[in-house]
Amino acid sequence: QVQLVESGGGLVHPGGSLRLPCAASGSIFSPWMMAWFRQAPGKQRESVAVITRVGITVYQDSVKGRFTISRDNAKNTVYLQINTLEPEDTAVYFCYVRATPTSAALWGQGTQVTVSS
């Protein structure tokens, strides 16, 4: 069984930075796709950034230039570096992993990011 564990969330001031790691443990190695989603209060969950096994990345337009997704395949870990945080970035951030193109999606439990002065 695969488990995803996120960490790194917290309360930060506007303009601040955070790094969110998500480690996948269990029967999984070098997943086909790893991603970060977020869900703000009263809004639908949305994709923030995606990274494939070979390092191809895709970002939501609103975070381009501020967010960077990366991964360490040896550690089965995906990271989200968030810079220049804005109040609109306040949300629960979820890790998403798919081991192969046809396997079920796996979700982490989420980590809260709050941006406030």
C-alpha atoms as a PDB file:
ATOM      1  CA  GLN A   1       0.000   0.000   0.000  1.00  0.00           C
ATOM      2  CA  VAL A   2       1.274   3.450  -0.896  1.00  0.00           C
ATOM      3  CA  GLN A   3       1.134   6.351   1.491  1.00  0.00           C
ATOM      4  CA  LEU A   4       1.728  10.032   0.701  1.00  0.00           C
ATOM      5  CA  VAL A   5       2.848  12.352   3.471  1.00  0.00           C
ATOM      6  CA  GLU A   6       2.991  16.096   2.949  1.00  0.00           C
ATOM      7  CA  SER A   7       4.623  18.611   5.244  1.00  0.00           C
ATOM      8  CA  GLY A   8       5.958  22.148   5.222  1.00  0.00           C
ATOM      9  CA  GLY A   9       2.747  24.131   5.440  1.00  0.00           C
ATOM     10  CA  GLY A  10       2.169  26.978   7.852  1.00  0.00           C
ATOM     11  CA  LEU A  11       1.388  30.643   8.334  1.00  0.00           C
ATOM     12  CA  VAL A  12       3.523  33.059   6.344  1.00  0.00           C
ATOM     13  CA  HIS A  13       3.456  36.753   5.558  1.00  0.00           C
ATOM     14  CA  PRO A  14       2.796  38.005   2.037  1.00  0.00           C
ATOM     15  CA  GLY A  15       5.985  37.870   0.038  1.00  0.00           C
ATOM     16  CA  GLY A  16       7.306  34.948   2.036  1.00  0.00           C
ATOM     17  CA  SER A  17       8.347  31.491   0.886  1.00  0.00           C
ATOM     18  CA  LEU A  18       7.627  27.893   1.738  1.00  0.00           C
ATOM     19  CA  ARG A  19       8.841  24.532   0.562  1.00  0.00           C
ATOM     20  CA  LEU A  20       6.367  21.666   0.616  1.00  0.00           C
ATOM     21  CA  PRO A  21       7.746  18.126   0.426  1.00  0.00           C
ATOM     22  CA  CYS A  22       5.612  15.069  -0.213  1.00  0.00           C
ATOM     23  CA  ALA A  23       7.108  11.649   0.313  1.00  0.00           C
ATOM     24  CA  ALA A  24       5.602   8.510  -1.174  1.00  0.00           C
ATOM     25  CA  SER A  25       6.234   5.311   0.740  1.00  0.00           C
ATOM     26  CA  GLY A  26       5.261   1.698   0.160  1.00  0.00           C
ATOM     27  CA  SER A  27       5.085  -0.272  -3.062  1.00  0.00           C
ATOM     28  CA  ILE A  28       5.956   2.490  -5.470  1.00  0.00           C
ATOM     29  CA  PHE A  29       9.077   3.605  -7.289  1.00  0.00           C
ATOM     30  CA  SER A  30       9.624   6.601  -9.521  1.00  0.00           C
ATOM     31  CA  PRO A  31       5.937   7.361 -10.213  1.00  0.00           C
ATOM     32  CA  TRP A  32       4.854   8.284 -13.716  1.00  0.00           C
ATOM     33  CA  MET A  33       3.417  11.574 -12.534  1.00  0.00           C
ATOM     34  CA  MET A  34       3.562  13.634  -9.367  1.00  0.00           C
ATOM     35  CA  ALA A  35       1.673  16.843  -8.798  1.00  0.00           C
ATOM     36  CA  TRP A  36       0.391  19.415  -6.355  1.00  0.00           C
ATOM     37  CA  PHE A  37      -3.201  20.558  -6.127  1.00  0.00           C
ATOM     38  CA  ARG A  38      -4.740  23.111  -3.810  1.00  0.00           C
ATOM     39  CA  GLN A  39      -8.184  23.862  -2.472  1.00  0.00           C
ATOM     40  CA  ALA A  40      -9.067  27.271  -1.100  1.00  0.00           C
ATOM     41  CA  PRO A  41     -12.075  27.754   1.193  1.00  0.00           C
ATOM     42  CA  GLY A  42     -15.298  27.569  -0.785  1.00  0.00           C
ATOM     43  CA  LYS A  43     -13.525  26.697  -4.033  1.00  0.00           C
ATOM     44  CA  GLN A  44     -12.910  23.573  -6.050  1.00  0.00           C
ATOM     45  CA  ARG A  45      -9.622  21.722  -5.891  1.00  0.00           C
ATOM     46  CA  GLU A  46      -7.314  22.867  -8.665  1.00  0.00           C
ATOM     47  CA  SER A  47      -4.081  21.694 -10.186  1.00  0.00           C
ATOM     48  CA  VAL A  48      -1.071  23.858  -9.345  1.00  0.00           C
ATOM     49  CA  ALA A  49       1.899  22.068 -10.850  1.00  0.00           C
ATOM     50  CA  VAL A  50       2.706  18.719 -12.419  1.00  0.00           C
ATOM     51  CA  ILE A  51       5.986  16.922 -13.018  1.00  0.00           C
ATOM     52  CA  THR A  52       6.498  13.723 -14.977  1.00  0.00           C
ATOM     53  CA  ARG A  53       9.004  10.974 -14.344  1.00  0.00           C
ATOM     54  CA  VAL A  54      11.413  12.542 -16.831  1.00  0.00           C
ATOM     55  CA  GLY A  55      11.070  16.021 -15.413  1.00  0.00           C
ATOM     56  CA  ILE A  56       8.575  17.674 -17.727  1.00  0.00           C
ATOM     57  CA  THR A  57       6.674  20.336 -15.766  1.00  0.00           C
ATOM     58  CA  VAL A  58       3.370  22.130 -16.260  1.00  0.00           C
ATOM     59  CA  TYR A  59       2.129  25.021 -14.126  1.00  0.00           C
ATOM     60  CA  GLN A  60      -1.133  26.787 -13.583  1.00  0.00           C
ATOM     61  CA  ASP A  61      -0.857  30.261 -15.118  1.00  0.00           C
ATOM     62  CA  SER A  62      -1.397  32.070 -11.820  1.00  0.00           C
ATOM     63  CA  VAL A  63       1.675  30.488 -10.215  1.00  0.00           C
ATOM     64  CA  LYS A  64       4.147  30.600 -13.090  1.00  0.00           C
ATOM     65  CA  GLY A  65       7.362  32.288 -12.030  1.00  0.00           C
ATOM     66  CA  ARG A  66       6.571  31.904  -8.318  1.00  0.00           C
ATOM     67  CA  PHE A  67       6.130  28.147  -7.839  1.00  0.00           C
ATOM     68  CA  THR A  68       8.647  25.470  -8.743  1.00  0.00           C
ATOM     69  CA  ILE A  69       7.903  21.765  -8.694  1.00  0.00           C
ATOM     70  CA  SER A  70      10.731  19.263  -8.521  1.00  0.00           C
ATOM     71  CA  ARG A  71      11.212  15.645  -7.591  1.00  0.00           C
ATOM     72  CA  ASP A  72      13.797  13.248  -6.261  1.00  0.00           C
ATOM     73  CA  ASN A  73      13.103   9.873  -7.846  1.00  0.00           C
ATOM     74  CA  ALA A  74      15.488   8.051  -5.551  1.00  0.00           C
ATOM     75  CA  LYS A  75      13.497   9.279  -2.561  1.00  0.00           C
ATOM     76  CA  ASN A  76      10.044   9.110  -4.202  1.00  0.00           C
ATOM     77  CA  THR A  77       9.579  12.694  -3.087  1.00  0.00           C
ATOM     78  CA  VAL A  78       8.054  15.661  -4.849  1.00  0.00           C
ATOM     79  CA  TYR A  79       8.643  19.243  -3.733  1.00  0.00           C
ATOM     80  CA  LEU A  80       6.798  22.480  -4.261  1.00  0.00           C
ATOM     81  CA  GLN A  81       8.857  25.625  -3.723  1.00  0.00           C
ATOM     82  CA  ILE A  82       6.531  28.579  -3.272  1.00  0.00           C
ATOM     83  CA  ASN A  83       7.977  32.074  -3.459  1.00  0.00           C
ATOM     84  CA  THR A  84       6.440  35.533  -3.239  1.00  0.00           C
ATOM     85  CA  LEU A  85       3.361  34.160  -1.503  1.00  0.00           C
ATOM     86  CA  GLU A  86       0.113  36.060  -1.899  1.00  0.00           C
ATOM     87  CA  PRO A  87      -3.037  35.932   0.257  1.00  0.00           C
ATOM     88  CA  GLU A  88      -4.752  34.269  -2.719  1.00  0.00           C
ATOM     89  CA  ASP A  89      -2.387  31.313  -2.283  1.00  0.00           C
ATOM     90  CA  THR A  90      -4.062  30.448   1.012  1.00  0.00           C
ATOM     91  CA  ALA A  91      -5.349  26.901   0.649  1.00  0.00           C
ATOM     92  CA  VAL A  92      -4.870  23.309   1.623  1.00  0.00           C
ATOM     93  CA  TYR A  93      -2.188  21.878  -0.645  1.00  0.00           C
ATOM     94  CA  PHE A  94      -2.495  18.243  -1.671  1.00  0.00           C
ATOM     95  CA  CYS A  95       0.079  15.913  -3.114  1.00  0.00           C
ATOM     96  CA  TYR A  96      -1.089  13.763  -6.037  1.00  0.00           C
ATOM     97  CA  VAL A  97       0.697  10.743  -7.439  1.00  0.00           C
ATOM     98  CA  ARG A  98      -0.029   8.332 -10.226  1.00  0.00           C
ATOM     99  CA  ALA A  99       2.329   5.380 -10.450  1.00  0.00           C
ATOM    100  CA  THR A 100       1.545   4.587 -14.107  1.00  0.00           C
ATOM    101  CA  PRO A 101      -0.737   6.163 -16.725  1.00  0.00           C
ATOM    102  CA  THR A 102      -3.455   3.608 -15.929  1.00  0.00           C
ATOM    103  CA  SER A 103      -3.099   3.305 -12.167  1.00  0.00           C
ATOM    104  CA  ALA A 104      -5.418   4.909  -9.651  1.00  0.00           C
ATOM    105  CA  ALA A 105      -4.674   8.402  -8.426  1.00  0.00           C
ATOM    106  CA  LEU A 106      -3.258   8.678  -4.926  1.00  0.00           C
ATOM    107  CA  TRP A 107      -3.797  11.689  -2.679  1.00  0.00           C
ATOM    108  CA  GLY A 108      -2.050  12.939   0.405  1.00  0.00           C
ATOM    109  CA  GLN A 109      -3.904  14.235   3.446  1.00  0.00           C
ATOM    110  CA  GLY A 110      -3.111  17.869   2.665  1.00  0.00           C
ATOM    111  CA  THR A 111      -1.098  20.590   4.336  1.00  0.00           C
ATOM    112  CA  GLN A 112      -2.494  24.017   5.169  1.00  0.00           C
ATOM    113  CA  VAL A 113      -0.811  27.119   3.782  1.00  0.00           C
ATOM    114  CA  THR A 114      -2.072  30.433   5.118  1.00  0.00           C
ATOM    115  CA  VAL A 115      -0.755  33.736   3.805  1.00  0.00           C
ATOM    116  CA  SER A 116      -1.633  36.651   6.021  1.00  0.00           C
ATOM    117  CA  SER A 117      -0.090  39.741   7.502  1.00  0.00           C
END
